[in-house]
Amino acid sequence: MLLQGDIQGDAFWETRASSRRQETACHVAALRFVFGRQLGYLIPLLLFYIKFDSTYFYIHAISLKNSSQAE
């Protein structure tokens, strides 16, 4: 019974992730339609860059903190 629940739970989250991807694709398509093709391509790249950039600075801050503690 527990295994059955786990399988159903996994299927639920996979369905949820799939609908989330479709929703994101719809938003990107709407942005392309409203703002033109160039901006529609640019916004997801910009969001990815911001996320990547903040992750880089977070990792860099941790490494600086660790190096200052080592001294």
N, C-alpha and C. Protein backbone atom coordinates (compact mmCIF):
# COMPACT_ATOMS: atom_id res chain seq x y z
N MET A 1 0.82 -1.20 0.00
CA MET A 1 0.00 0.00 0.00
C MET A 1 0.86 1.26 0.00
N LEU A 2 1.90 1.24 0.80
CA LEU A 2 2.77 2.41 0.87
C LEU A 2 3.44 2.67 -0.49
N LEU A 3 3.88 1.60 -1.14
CA LEU A 3 4.50 1.73 -2.44
C LEU A 3 3.53 2.35 -3.45
N GLN A 4 2.28 1.92 -3.38
CA GLN A 4 1.25 2.47 -4.27
C GLN A 4 1.13 3.98 -4.06
N GLY A 5 1.15 4.42 -2.81
CA GLY A 5 1.06 5.85 -2.50
C GLY A 5 2.26 6.61 -3.02
N ASP A 6 3.46 6.00 -2.89
CA ASP A 6 4.68 6.65 -3.39
C ASP A 6 4.62 6.83 -4.90
N ILE A 7 4.14 5.78 -5.59
CA ILE A 7 4.04 5.86 -7.05
C ILE A 7 3.06 6.94 -7.46
N GLN A 8 1.93 7.01 -6.76
CA GLN A 8 0.93 8.05 -7.08
C GLN A 8 1.49 9.43 -6.77
N GLY A 9 2.25 9.55 -5.68
CA GLY A 9 2.85 10.84 -5.33
C GLY A 9 3.86 11.29 -6.39
N ASP A 10 4.68 10.35 -6.85
CA ASP A 10 5.66 10.68 -7.89
C ASP A 10 4.95 11.11 -9.17
N ALA A 11 3.89 10.40 -9.52
CA ALA A 11 3.14 10.77 -10.73
C ALA A 11 2.54 12.16 -10.58
N PHE A 12 2.07 12.48 -9.38
CA PHE A 12 1.51 13.82 -9.14
C PHE A 12 2.55 14.89 -9.37
N TRP A 13 3.76 14.70 -8.80
CA TRP A 13 4.79 15.74 -8.94
C TRP A 13 5.30 15.84 -10.36
N GLU A 14 5.37 14.70 -11.07
CA GLU A 14 5.78 14.76 -12.48
C GLU A 14 4.75 15.52 -13.31
N THR A 15 3.47 15.28 -13.03
CA THR A 15 2.41 15.99 -13.74
C THR A 15 2.48 17.48 -13.42
N ARG A 16 2.73 17.78 -12.16
CA ARG A 16 2.82 19.18 -11.73
C ARG A 16 3.99 19.88 -12.42
N ALA A 17 5.15 19.21 -12.48
CA ALA A 17 6.32 19.80 -13.13
C ALA A 17 6.06 19.99 -14.62
N SER A 18 5.37 19.03 -15.23
CA SER A 18 5.06 19.13 -16.65
C SER A 18 4.14 20.32 -16.91
N SER A 19 3.12 20.49 -16.06
CA SER A 19 2.21 21.63 -16.26
C SER A 19 2.93 22.94 -15.99
N ARG A 20 3.88 22.94 -15.06
CA ARG A 20 4.66 24.15 -14.78
C ARG A 20 5.50 24.52 -15.99
N ARG A 21 6.11 23.50 -16.65
CA ARG A 21 6.90 23.77 -17.86
C ARG A 21 6.01 24.32 -18.97
N GLN A 22 4.82 23.75 -19.12
CA GLN A 22 3.90 24.23 -20.15
C GLN A 22 3.47 25.66 -19.86
N GLU A 23 3.24 25.94 -18.58
CA GLU A 23 2.84 27.29 -18.18
C GLU A 23 3.96 28.29 -18.49
N THR A 24 5.20 27.92 -18.21
CA THR A 24 6.34 28.79 -18.52
C THR A 24 6.45 29.00 -20.02
N ALA A 25 6.28 27.93 -20.78
CA ALA A 25 6.34 28.06 -22.24
C ALA A 25 5.25 28.99 -22.75
N CYS A 26 4.07 28.92 -22.15
CA CYS A 26 2.97 29.82 -22.54
C CYS A 26 3.33 31.27 -22.23
N HIS A 27 3.93 31.50 -21.07
CA HIS A 27 4.30 32.87 -20.70
C HIS A 27 5.35 33.42 -21.66
N VAL A 28 6.33 32.58 -22.00
CA VAL A 28 7.37 33.02 -22.93
C VAL A 28 6.77 33.32 -24.30
N ALA A 29 5.85 32.45 -24.74
CA ALA A 29 5.20 32.68 -26.03
C ALA A 29 4.39 33.97 -26.00
N ALA A 30 3.71 34.24 -24.89
CA ALA A 30 2.94 35.47 -24.77
C ALA A 30 3.86 36.69 -24.80
N LEU A 31 4.99 36.59 -24.12
CA LEU A 31 5.95 37.70 -24.13
C LEU A 31 6.48 37.95 -25.53
N ARG A 32 6.76 36.87 -26.26
CA ARG A 32 7.23 37.02 -27.65
C ARG A 32 6.17 37.71 -28.50
N PHE A 33 4.91 37.33 -28.29
CA PHE A 33 3.83 37.90 -29.09
C PHE A 33 3.65 39.38 -28.76
N VAL A 34 3.68 39.72 -27.46
CA VAL A 34 3.40 41.10 -27.05
C VAL A 34 4.59 42.02 -27.34
N PHE A 35 5.78 41.58 -27.00
CA PHE A 35 6.93 42.46 -27.09
C PHE A 35 7.80 42.21 -28.31
N GLY A 36 7.43 41.29 -29.13
CA GLY A 36 8.24 40.98 -30.31
C GLY A 36 9.19 39.83 -30.04
N ARG A 37 9.69 39.25 -31.10
CA ARG A 37 10.50 38.04 -30.96
C ARG A 37 11.78 38.27 -30.17
N GLN A 38 12.45 39.39 -30.40
CA GLN A 38 13.76 39.59 -29.76
C GLN A 38 13.63 39.65 -28.24
N LEU A 39 12.69 40.42 -27.76
CA LEU A 39 12.52 40.56 -26.31
C LEU A 39 12.01 39.27 -25.69
N GLY A 40 11.18 38.54 -26.43
CA GLY A 40 10.69 37.26 -25.93
C GLY A 40 11.80 36.26 -25.72
N TYR A 41 12.82 36.31 -26.55
CA TYR A 41 13.98 35.43 -26.36
C TYR A 41 14.91 35.96 -25.28
N LEU A 42 14.93 37.27 -25.15
CA LEU A 42 15.88 37.89 -24.23
C LEU A 42 15.49 37.71 -22.77
N ILE A 43 14.20 37.79 -22.46
CA ILE A 43 13.76 37.76 -21.06
C ILE A 43 14.12 36.45 -20.35
N PRO A 44 13.84 35.26 -20.93
CA PRO A 44 14.25 34.03 -20.23
C PRO A 44 15.76 33.94 -20.04
N LEU A 45 16.53 34.41 -21.04
CA LEU A 45 17.98 34.41 -20.88
C LEU A 45 18.41 35.35 -19.76
N LEU A 46 17.75 36.48 -19.67
CA LEU A 46 18.06 37.44 -18.63
C LEU A 46 17.74 36.87 -17.25
N LEU A 47 16.59 36.20 -17.13
CA LEU A 47 16.22 35.58 -15.85
C LEU A 47 17.23 34.50 -15.47
N PHE A 48 17.64 33.69 -16.45
CA PHE A 48 18.63 32.65 -16.18
C PHE A 48 19.95 33.28 -15.75
N TYR A 49 20.35 34.37 -16.41
CA TYR A 49 21.62 35.02 -16.08
C TYR A 49 21.57 35.59 -14.67
N ILE A 50 20.46 36.20 -14.29
CA ILE A 50 20.33 36.77 -12.94
C ILE A 50 20.45 35.66 -11.90
N LYS A 51 19.76 34.52 -12.16
CA LYS A 51 19.84 33.41 -11.21
C LYS A 51 21.26 32.87 -11.14
N PHE A 52 21.89 32.68 -12.29
CA PHE A 52 23.26 32.17 -12.33
C PHE A 52 24.21 33.14 -11.65
N ASP A 53 24.01 34.42 -11.90
CA ASP A 53 24.87 35.46 -11.34
C ASP A 53 24.77 35.48 -9.82
N SER A 54 23.55 35.42 -9.28
CA SER A 54 23.39 35.45 -7.83
C SER A 54 23.96 34.19 -7.20
N THR A 55 23.83 33.05 -7.89
CA THR A 55 24.42 31.81 -7.38
C THR A 55 25.94 31.93 -7.35
N TYR A 56 26.51 32.52 -8.39
CA TYR A 56 27.97 32.71 -8.45
C TYR A 56 28.44 33.58 -7.29
N PHE A 57 27.74 34.69 -7.04
CA PHE A 57 28.17 35.58 -5.96
C PHE A 57 28.00 34.91 -4.60
N TYR A 58 26.96 34.09 -4.45
CA TYR A 58 26.75 33.37 -3.19
C TYR A 58 27.91 32.41 -2.94
N ILE A 59 28.28 31.65 -3.96
CA ILE A 59 29.39 30.70 -3.83
C ILE A 59 30.70 31.45 -3.58
N HIS A 60 30.88 32.57 -4.27
CA HIS A 60 32.10 33.38 -4.10
C HIS A 60 32.17 33.92 -2.66
N ALA A 61 31.04 34.37 -2.12
CA ALA A 61 31.02 34.90 -0.75
C ALA A 61 31.35 33.80 0.26
N ILE A 62 30.85 32.58 0.03
CA ILE A 62 31.16 31.47 0.93
C ILE A 62 32.65 31.15 0.88
N SER A 63 33.22 31.15 -0.33
CA SER A 63 34.66 30.84 -0.44
C SER A 63 35.49 31.93 0.22
N LEU A 64 35.08 33.19 0.12
CA LEU A 64 35.80 34.28 0.79
C LEU A 64 35.71 34.13 2.30
N LYS A 65 34.52 33.77 2.78
CA LYS A 65 34.31 33.59 4.22
C LYS A 65 35.19 32.45 4.74
N ASN A 66 35.24 31.35 3.99
CA ASN A 66 36.04 30.20 4.40
C ASN A 66 37.53 30.53 4.36
N SER A 67 37.97 31.30 3.37
CA SER A 67 39.38 31.64 3.29
C SER A 67 39.78 32.61 4.40
N SER A 68 38.87 33.50 4.80
CA SER A 68 39.19 34.42 5.90
C SER A 68 39.21 33.69 7.24
N GLN A 69 38.41 32.64 7.37
CA GLN A 69 38.42 31.85 8.61
C GLN A 69 39.69 31.01 8.71
N ALA A 70 40.24 30.63 7.56
CA ALA A 70 41.43 29.78 7.55
C ALA A 70 42.68 30.56 7.98
N GLU A 71 42.65 31.86 7.82
CA GLU A 71 43.84 32.68 8.14
C GLU A 71 44.03 32.90 9.61
